[in-house]
């Protein structure tokens, strides 16, 4: 079992910045990928940013140029730096880890962090 603990959410004004952190209970270098998703009220959960173990990164079009995913393998932590925040970024943000086990991809999730951007 893998535990993901998130921190760093909160309330910020439009144009401001926040950094989310996600610390895993085991080495993140062993995961196929680490990612951040978000879910706004009444909407489906959507991928925000994803980084593979080889460093390949992709972002949702809505956050390109504003958000950056990064990792610190020594700290077993992945980050989401969010700049130039907009009210439409308001959502619960979830950390995700993909682990390939015996040919089966397994997803682990953090508890979620509320991010609220005021206009």
N, C-alpha and C. Protein backbone atom coordinates (compact mmCIF):
# COMPACT_ATOMS: atom_id res chain seq x y z
N UNK A 1 0.84 -1.19 0.00
CA UNK A 1 0.00 0.00 0.00
C UNK A 1 0.88 1.24 0.00
N UNK A 2 0.44 2.25 -0.72
CA UNK A 2 1.16 3.51 -0.82
C UNK A 2 0.28 4.62 -0.27
N UNK A 3 0.85 5.45 0.56
CA UNK A 3 0.13 6.60 1.09
C UNK A 3 0.71 7.88 0.51
N UNK A 4 -0.18 8.76 0.08
CA UNK A 4 0.21 10.05 -0.46
C UNK A 4 -0.39 11.13 0.42
N UNK A 5 0.44 12.01 0.93
CA UNK A 5 -0.02 13.07 1.82
C UNK A 5 0.24 14.41 1.15
N UNK A 6 -0.83 15.17 0.96
CA UNK A 6 -0.74 16.46 0.29
C UNK A 6 -0.73 17.61 1.29
N UNK A 7 -0.15 18.70 0.85
CA UNK A 7 -0.19 19.93 1.64
C UNK A 7 -0.02 21.12 0.70
N UNK A 8 -0.37 22.31 1.21
CA UNK A 8 -0.10 23.52 0.45
C UNK A 8 -1.29 24.21 -0.15
N UNK A 9 -2.47 23.64 -0.02
CA UNK A 9 -3.65 24.31 -0.57
C UNK A 9 -4.03 25.53 0.24
N UNK A 10 -5.04 26.24 -0.23
CA UNK A 10 -5.50 27.41 0.51
C UNK A 10 -6.26 28.38 -0.35
N UNK A 11 -6.40 29.60 0.19
CA UNK A 11 -7.12 30.67 -0.49
C UNK A 11 -6.12 31.70 -1.00
N UNK A 12 -6.28 32.09 -2.24
CA UNK A 12 -5.37 33.07 -2.83
C UNK A 12 -6.16 33.96 -3.78
N UNK A 13 -5.70 35.17 -3.95
CA UNK A 13 -6.34 36.08 -4.91
C UNK A 13 -5.90 35.75 -6.33
N UNK A 14 -6.74 36.12 -7.28
CA UNK A 14 -6.39 35.92 -8.68
C UNK A 14 -5.05 36.60 -8.98
N UNK A 15 -4.24 35.89 -9.74
CA UNK A 15 -2.90 36.40 -10.06
C UNK A 15 -1.83 35.92 -9.10
N UNK A 16 -2.25 35.34 -7.99
CA UNK A 16 -1.31 34.87 -6.99
C UNK A 16 -0.76 33.49 -7.30
N UNK A 17 0.01 32.97 -6.35
CA UNK A 17 0.67 31.67 -6.52
C UNK A 17 0.46 30.79 -5.30
N UNK A 18 0.50 29.50 -5.55
CA UNK A 18 0.49 28.49 -4.49
C UNK A 18 1.36 27.33 -4.95
N UNK A 19 1.91 26.61 -3.98
CA UNK A 19 2.64 25.39 -4.30
C UNK A 19 2.07 24.24 -3.50
N UNK A 20 1.64 23.22 -4.22
CA UNK A 20 1.16 22.00 -3.59
C UNK A 20 2.31 21.00 -3.49
N UNK A 21 2.31 20.26 -2.41
CA UNK A 21 3.30 19.19 -2.19
C UNK A 21 2.58 17.87 -1.97
N UNK A 22 3.20 16.81 -2.41
CA UNK A 22 2.66 15.47 -2.22
C UNK A 22 3.82 14.56 -1.84
N UNK A 23 3.78 14.04 -0.62
CA UNK A 23 4.85 13.18 -0.14
C UNK A 23 4.35 11.74 -0.07
N UNK A 24 5.12 10.85 -0.68
CA UNK A 24 4.74 9.44 -0.73
C UNK A 24 5.41 8.65 0.39
N UNK A 25 4.78 7.52 0.74
CA UNK A 25 5.31 6.68 1.81
C UNK A 25 6.41 5.75 1.31
N UNK A 26 6.70 5.79 0.02
CA UNK A 26 7.80 5.01 -0.53
C UNK A 26 8.46 5.80 -1.64
N UNK A 27 9.56 5.31 -2.11
CA UNK A 27 10.32 6.03 -3.13
C UNK A 27 9.48 6.28 -4.38
N UNK A 28 9.42 7.55 -4.80
CA UNK A 28 8.63 7.86 -5.99
C UNK A 28 9.36 7.51 -7.28
N UNK A 29 10.64 7.23 -7.19
CA UNK A 29 11.38 6.86 -8.39
C UNK A 29 10.93 5.52 -8.94
N UNK A 30 10.22 4.74 -8.12
CA UNK A 30 9.73 3.45 -8.56
C UNK A 30 8.37 3.50 -9.23
N UNK A 31 7.76 4.67 -9.23
CA UNK A 31 6.45 4.81 -9.86
C UNK A 31 6.60 5.07 -11.36
N UNK A 32 5.62 4.60 -12.10
CA UNK A 32 5.60 4.85 -13.54
C UNK A 32 5.45 6.34 -13.81
N UNK A 33 4.62 7.00 -13.03
CA UNK A 33 4.39 8.44 -13.19
C UNK A 33 3.77 9.00 -11.93
N UNK A 34 3.96 10.30 -11.76
CA UNK A 34 3.29 11.06 -10.71
C UNK A 34 2.49 12.16 -11.40
N UNK A 35 1.33 12.47 -10.84
CA UNK A 35 0.47 13.44 -11.51
C UNK A 35 -0.36 14.22 -10.50
N UNK A 36 -0.91 15.32 -10.99
CA UNK A 36 -1.89 16.10 -10.24
C UNK A 36 -3.17 16.17 -11.06
N UNK A 37 -4.28 15.92 -10.39
CA UNK A 37 -5.61 16.06 -10.97
C UNK A 37 -6.37 17.10 -10.16
N UNK A 38 -7.48 17.57 -10.70
CA UNK A 38 -8.34 18.47 -9.94
C UNK A 38 -9.79 18.19 -10.27
N UNK A 39 -10.63 18.54 -9.33
CA UNK A 39 -12.06 18.37 -9.52
C UNK A 39 -12.78 19.57 -8.94
N UNK A 40 -13.45 20.30 -9.81
CA UNK A 40 -14.25 21.44 -9.40
C UNK A 40 -15.67 20.97 -9.11
N UNK A 41 -16.42 21.72 -8.32
CA UNK A 41 -17.80 21.32 -7.99
C UNK A 41 -18.63 21.10 -9.25
N UNK A 42 -19.30 19.96 -9.32
CA UNK A 42 -20.16 19.66 -10.44
C UNK A 42 -19.45 19.24 -11.70
N UNK A 43 -18.13 19.09 -11.63
CA UNK A 43 -17.36 18.70 -12.82
C UNK A 43 -16.61 17.40 -12.57
N UNK A 44 -16.17 16.79 -13.67
CA UNK A 44 -15.38 15.56 -13.56
C UNK A 44 -13.95 15.89 -13.18
N UNK A 45 -13.31 14.91 -12.58
CA UNK A 45 -11.90 15.06 -12.26
C UNK A 45 -11.10 15.11 -13.56
N UNK A 46 -10.16 16.03 -13.62
CA UNK A 46 -9.37 16.21 -14.84
C UNK A 46 -7.88 16.23 -14.52
N UNK A 47 -7.11 15.77 -15.50
CA UNK A 47 -5.66 15.79 -15.35
C UNK A 47 -5.15 17.22 -15.47
N UNK A 48 -4.29 17.61 -14.56
CA UNK A 48 -3.67 18.93 -14.58
C UNK A 48 -2.24 18.83 -15.11
N UNK A 49 -1.45 17.94 -14.53
CA UNK A 49 -0.06 17.78 -14.94
C UNK A 49 0.40 16.38 -14.58
N UNK A 50 1.28 15.85 -15.40
CA UNK A 50 1.77 14.49 -15.19
C UNK A 50 3.23 14.43 -15.58
N UNK A 51 4.01 13.71 -14.79
CA UNK A 51 5.42 13.52 -15.11
C UNK A 51 5.79 12.05 -14.94
N UNK A 52 6.36 11.47 -15.98
CA UNK A 52 6.76 10.07 -15.91
C UNK A 52 8.09 9.94 -15.17
N UNK A 53 8.44 8.71 -14.87
CA UNK A 53 9.70 8.45 -14.18
C UNK A 53 10.90 8.83 -15.04
N UNK A 54 10.67 8.95 -16.35
CA UNK A 54 11.75 9.37 -17.25
C UNK A 54 11.78 10.87 -17.46
N UNK A 55 10.87 11.57 -16.79
CA UNK A 55 10.87 13.02 -16.86
C UNK A 55 10.00 13.61 -17.95
N UNK A 56 9.25 12.76 -18.66
CA UNK A 56 8.34 13.29 -19.68
C UNK A 56 7.15 13.93 -18.98
N UNK A 57 6.87 15.16 -19.36
CA UNK A 57 5.86 15.95 -18.66
C UNK A 57 4.78 16.42 -19.64
N UNK A 58 3.55 16.39 -19.19
CA UNK A 58 2.48 16.98 -19.98
C UNK A 58 1.51 17.72 -19.07
N UNK A 59 0.88 18.73 -19.64
CA UNK A 59 -0.01 19.61 -18.90
C UNK A 59 -1.34 19.75 -19.63
N UNK A 60 -2.38 20.04 -18.86
CA UNK A 60 -3.65 20.43 -19.46
C UNK A 60 -3.44 21.77 -20.16
N UNK A 61 -4.13 21.95 -21.27
CA UNK A 61 -3.98 23.20 -22.03
C UNK A 61 -4.29 24.41 -21.17
N UNK A 62 -5.24 24.26 -20.26
CA UNK A 62 -5.70 25.40 -19.45
C UNK A 62 -4.64 25.88 -18.46
N UNK A 63 -3.61 25.08 -18.20
CA UNK A 63 -2.61 25.48 -17.20
C UNK A 63 -1.21 25.62 -17.79
N UNK A 64 -1.06 25.33 -19.07
CA UNK A 64 0.26 25.44 -19.69
C UNK A 64 0.81 26.84 -19.55
N UNK A 65 2.07 26.92 -19.16
CA UNK A 65 2.72 28.21 -18.98
C UNK A 65 2.47 28.84 -17.62
N UNK A 66 1.57 28.27 -16.83
CA UNK A 66 1.28 28.82 -15.50
C UNK A 66 1.63 27.83 -14.39
N UNK A 67 1.46 26.54 -14.64
CA UNK A 67 1.72 25.51 -13.63
C UNK A 67 2.97 24.72 -14.01
N UNK A 68 3.68 24.27 -12.97
CA UNK A 68 4.87 23.45 -13.20
C UNK A 68 4.88 22.28 -12.23
N UNK A 69 5.02 21.09 -12.77
CA UNK A 69 5.16 19.90 -11.93
C UNK A 69 6.65 19.57 -11.81
N UNK A 70 7.05 19.19 -10.60
CA UNK A 70 8.45 18.83 -10.38
C UNK A 70 8.50 17.79 -9.27
N UNK A 71 9.67 17.21 -9.10
CA UNK A 71 9.81 16.18 -8.08
C UNK A 71 11.15 16.27 -7.38
N UNK A 72 11.19 15.79 -6.15
CA UNK A 72 12.42 15.64 -5.39
C UNK A 72 12.46 14.19 -4.95
N UNK A 73 13.22 13.38 -5.66
CA UNK A 73 13.23 11.94 -5.37
C UNK A 73 13.80 11.65 -3.97
N UNK A 74 14.72 12.48 -3.53
CA UNK A 74 15.32 12.25 -2.21
C UNK A 74 14.29 12.44 -1.09
N UNK A 75 13.32 13.33 -1.35
CA UNK A 75 12.28 13.60 -0.36
C UNK A 75 10.99 12.83 -0.65
N UNK A 76 11.00 12.01 -1.69
CA UNK A 76 9.79 11.27 -2.11
C UNK A 76 8.61 12.21 -2.29
N UNK A 77 8.87 13.37 -2.85
CA UNK A 77 7.85 14.41 -2.94
C UNK A 77 7.72 14.94 -4.37
N UNK A 78 6.50 15.18 -4.77
CA UNK A 78 6.22 15.83 -6.04
C UNK A 78 5.49 17.13 -5.74
N UNK A 79 5.77 18.13 -6.56
CA UNK A 79 5.24 19.47 -6.34
C UNK A 79 4.40 19.92 -7.52
N UNK A 80 3.50 20.84 -7.25
CA UNK A 80 2.79 21.55 -8.31
C UNK A 80 2.87 23.04 -7.98
N UNK A 81 3.71 23.74 -8.72
CA UNK A 81 3.81 25.19 -8.58
C UNK A 81 2.75 25.82 -9.46
N UNK A 82 1.90 26.62 -8.86
CA UNK A 82 0.78 27.24 -9.58
C UNK A 82 0.94 28.75 -9.53
N UNK A 83 1.17 29.34 -10.66
CA UNK A 83 1.33 30.79 -10.78
C UNK A 83 0.21 31.38 -11.61
N UNK A 84 0.05 32.69 -11.49
CA UNK A 84 -0.98 33.41 -12.26
C UNK A 84 -2.34 32.71 -12.12
N UNK A 85 -2.69 32.41 -10.91
CA UNK A 85 -3.91 31.66 -10.66
C UNK A 85 -5.15 32.45 -11.06
N UNK A 86 -6.14 31.69 -11.52
CA UNK A 86 -7.40 32.27 -11.97
C UNK A 86 -8.55 31.67 -11.15
N UNK A 87 -9.66 32.39 -11.06
CA UNK A 87 -10.81 31.82 -10.33
C UNK A 87 -11.22 30.45 -10.85
N UNK A 88 -11.06 30.20 -12.14
CA UNK A 88 -11.44 28.90 -12.69
C UNK A 88 -10.49 27.78 -12.31
N UNK A 89 -9.40 28.11 -11.63
CA UNK A 89 -8.50 27.07 -11.09
C UNK A 89 -9.01 26.53 -9.75
N UNK A 90 -10.05 27.15 -9.23
CA UNK A 90 -10.62 26.70 -7.96
C UNK A 90 -11.10 25.26 -8.07
N UNK A 91 -10.62 24.41 -7.20
CA UNK A 91 -10.94 22.98 -7.24
C UNK A 91 -10.27 22.28 -6.08
N UNK A 92 -10.63 21.02 -5.90
CA UNK A 92 -9.86 20.15 -5.02
C UNK A 92 -8.80 19.47 -5.88
N UNK A 93 -7.55 19.58 -5.46
CA UNK A 93 -6.43 19.03 -6.21
C UNK A 93 -5.98 17.72 -5.57
N UNK A 94 -5.80 16.72 -6.41
CA UNK A 94 -5.43 15.38 -5.94
C UNK A 94 -4.09 14.95 -6.52
N UNK A 95 -3.25 14.44 -5.68
CA UNK A 95 -2.00 13.83 -6.12
C UNK A 95 -2.28 12.39 -6.53
N UNK A 96 -1.61 11.95 -7.57
CA UNK A 96 -1.81 10.60 -8.09
C UNK A 96 -0.46 9.94 -8.36
N UNK A 97 -0.37 8.68 -8.03
CA UNK A 97 0.82 7.89 -8.34
C UNK A 97 0.41 6.66 -9.12
N UNK A 98 1.10 6.41 -10.23
CA UNK A 98 0.84 5.22 -11.04
C UNK A 98 1.95 4.21 -10.77
N UNK A 99 1.55 3.01 -10.38
CA UNK A 99 2.52 1.96 -10.09
C UNK A 99 2.21 0.75 -10.96
N UNK A 100 3.20 0.31 -11.71
CA UNK A 100 3.03 -0.86 -12.56
C UNK A 100 3.46 -2.09 -11.77
N UNK A 101 2.51 -3.00 -11.53
CA UNK A 101 2.78 -4.21 -10.78
C UNK A 101 2.34 -5.42 -11.59
N UNK A 102 3.27 -6.26 -11.92
CA UNK A 102 2.97 -7.49 -12.67
C UNK A 102 2.11 -7.20 -13.90
N UNK A 103 2.45 -6.14 -14.59
CA UNK A 103 1.74 -5.79 -15.81
C UNK A 103 0.44 -5.06 -15.60
N UNK A 104 0.07 -4.78 -14.38
CA UNK A 104 -1.18 -4.08 -14.08
C UNK A 104 -0.85 -2.70 -13.51
N UNK A 105 -1.48 -1.66 -14.07
CA UNK A 105 -1.26 -0.30 -13.58
C UNK A 105 -2.21 -0.03 -12.42
N UNK A 106 -1.64 0.35 -11.30
CA UNK A 106 -2.43 0.64 -10.11
C UNK A 106 -2.30 2.12 -9.78
N UNK A 107 -3.42 2.74 -9.45
CA UNK A 107 -3.44 4.16 -9.09
C UNK A 107 -3.59 4.33 -7.59
N UNK A 108 -2.80 5.25 -7.05
CA UNK A 108 -2.93 5.66 -5.66
C UNK A 108 -3.25 7.16 -5.64
N UNK A 109 -4.03 7.57 -4.62
CA UNK A 109 -4.50 8.95 -4.57
C UNK A 109 -4.23 9.57 -3.21
N UNK A 110 -3.95 10.86 -3.25
CA UNK A 110 -3.87 11.62 -2.03
C UNK A 110 -5.27 11.98 -1.56
N UNK A 111 -5.32 12.66 -0.41
CA UNK A 111 -6.60 12.97 0.22
C UNK A 111 -7.29 14.17 -0.41
N UNK A 112 -6.55 14.94 -1.18
CA UNK A 112 -7.11 16.13 -1.81
C UNK A 112 -6.79 17.39 -1.03
N UNK A 113 -6.50 18.45 -1.77
CA UNK A 113 -6.23 19.75 -1.17
C UNK A 113 -7.10 20.80 -1.86
N UNK A 114 -7.80 21.57 -1.06
CA UNK A 114 -8.68 22.61 -1.61
C UNK A 114 -7.85 23.82 -2.02
N UNK A 115 -8.05 24.25 -3.25
CA UNK A 115 -7.46 25.49 -3.74
C UNK A 115 -8.61 26.40 -4.16
N UNK A 116 -8.64 27.58 -3.56
CA UNK A 116 -9.69 28.55 -3.87
C UNK A 116 -9.05 29.85 -4.33
N UNK A 117 -9.44 30.29 -5.52
CA UNK A 117 -8.89 31.52 -6.08
C UNK A 117 -10.02 32.55 -6.16
N UNK A 118 -9.84 33.63 -5.45
CA UNK A 118 -10.86 34.67 -5.42
C UNK A 118 -10.58 35.72 -6.50
N UNK A 119 -11.65 36.28 -7.00
CA UNK A 119 -11.50 37.28 -8.08
C UNK A 119 -11.35 38.69 -7.52
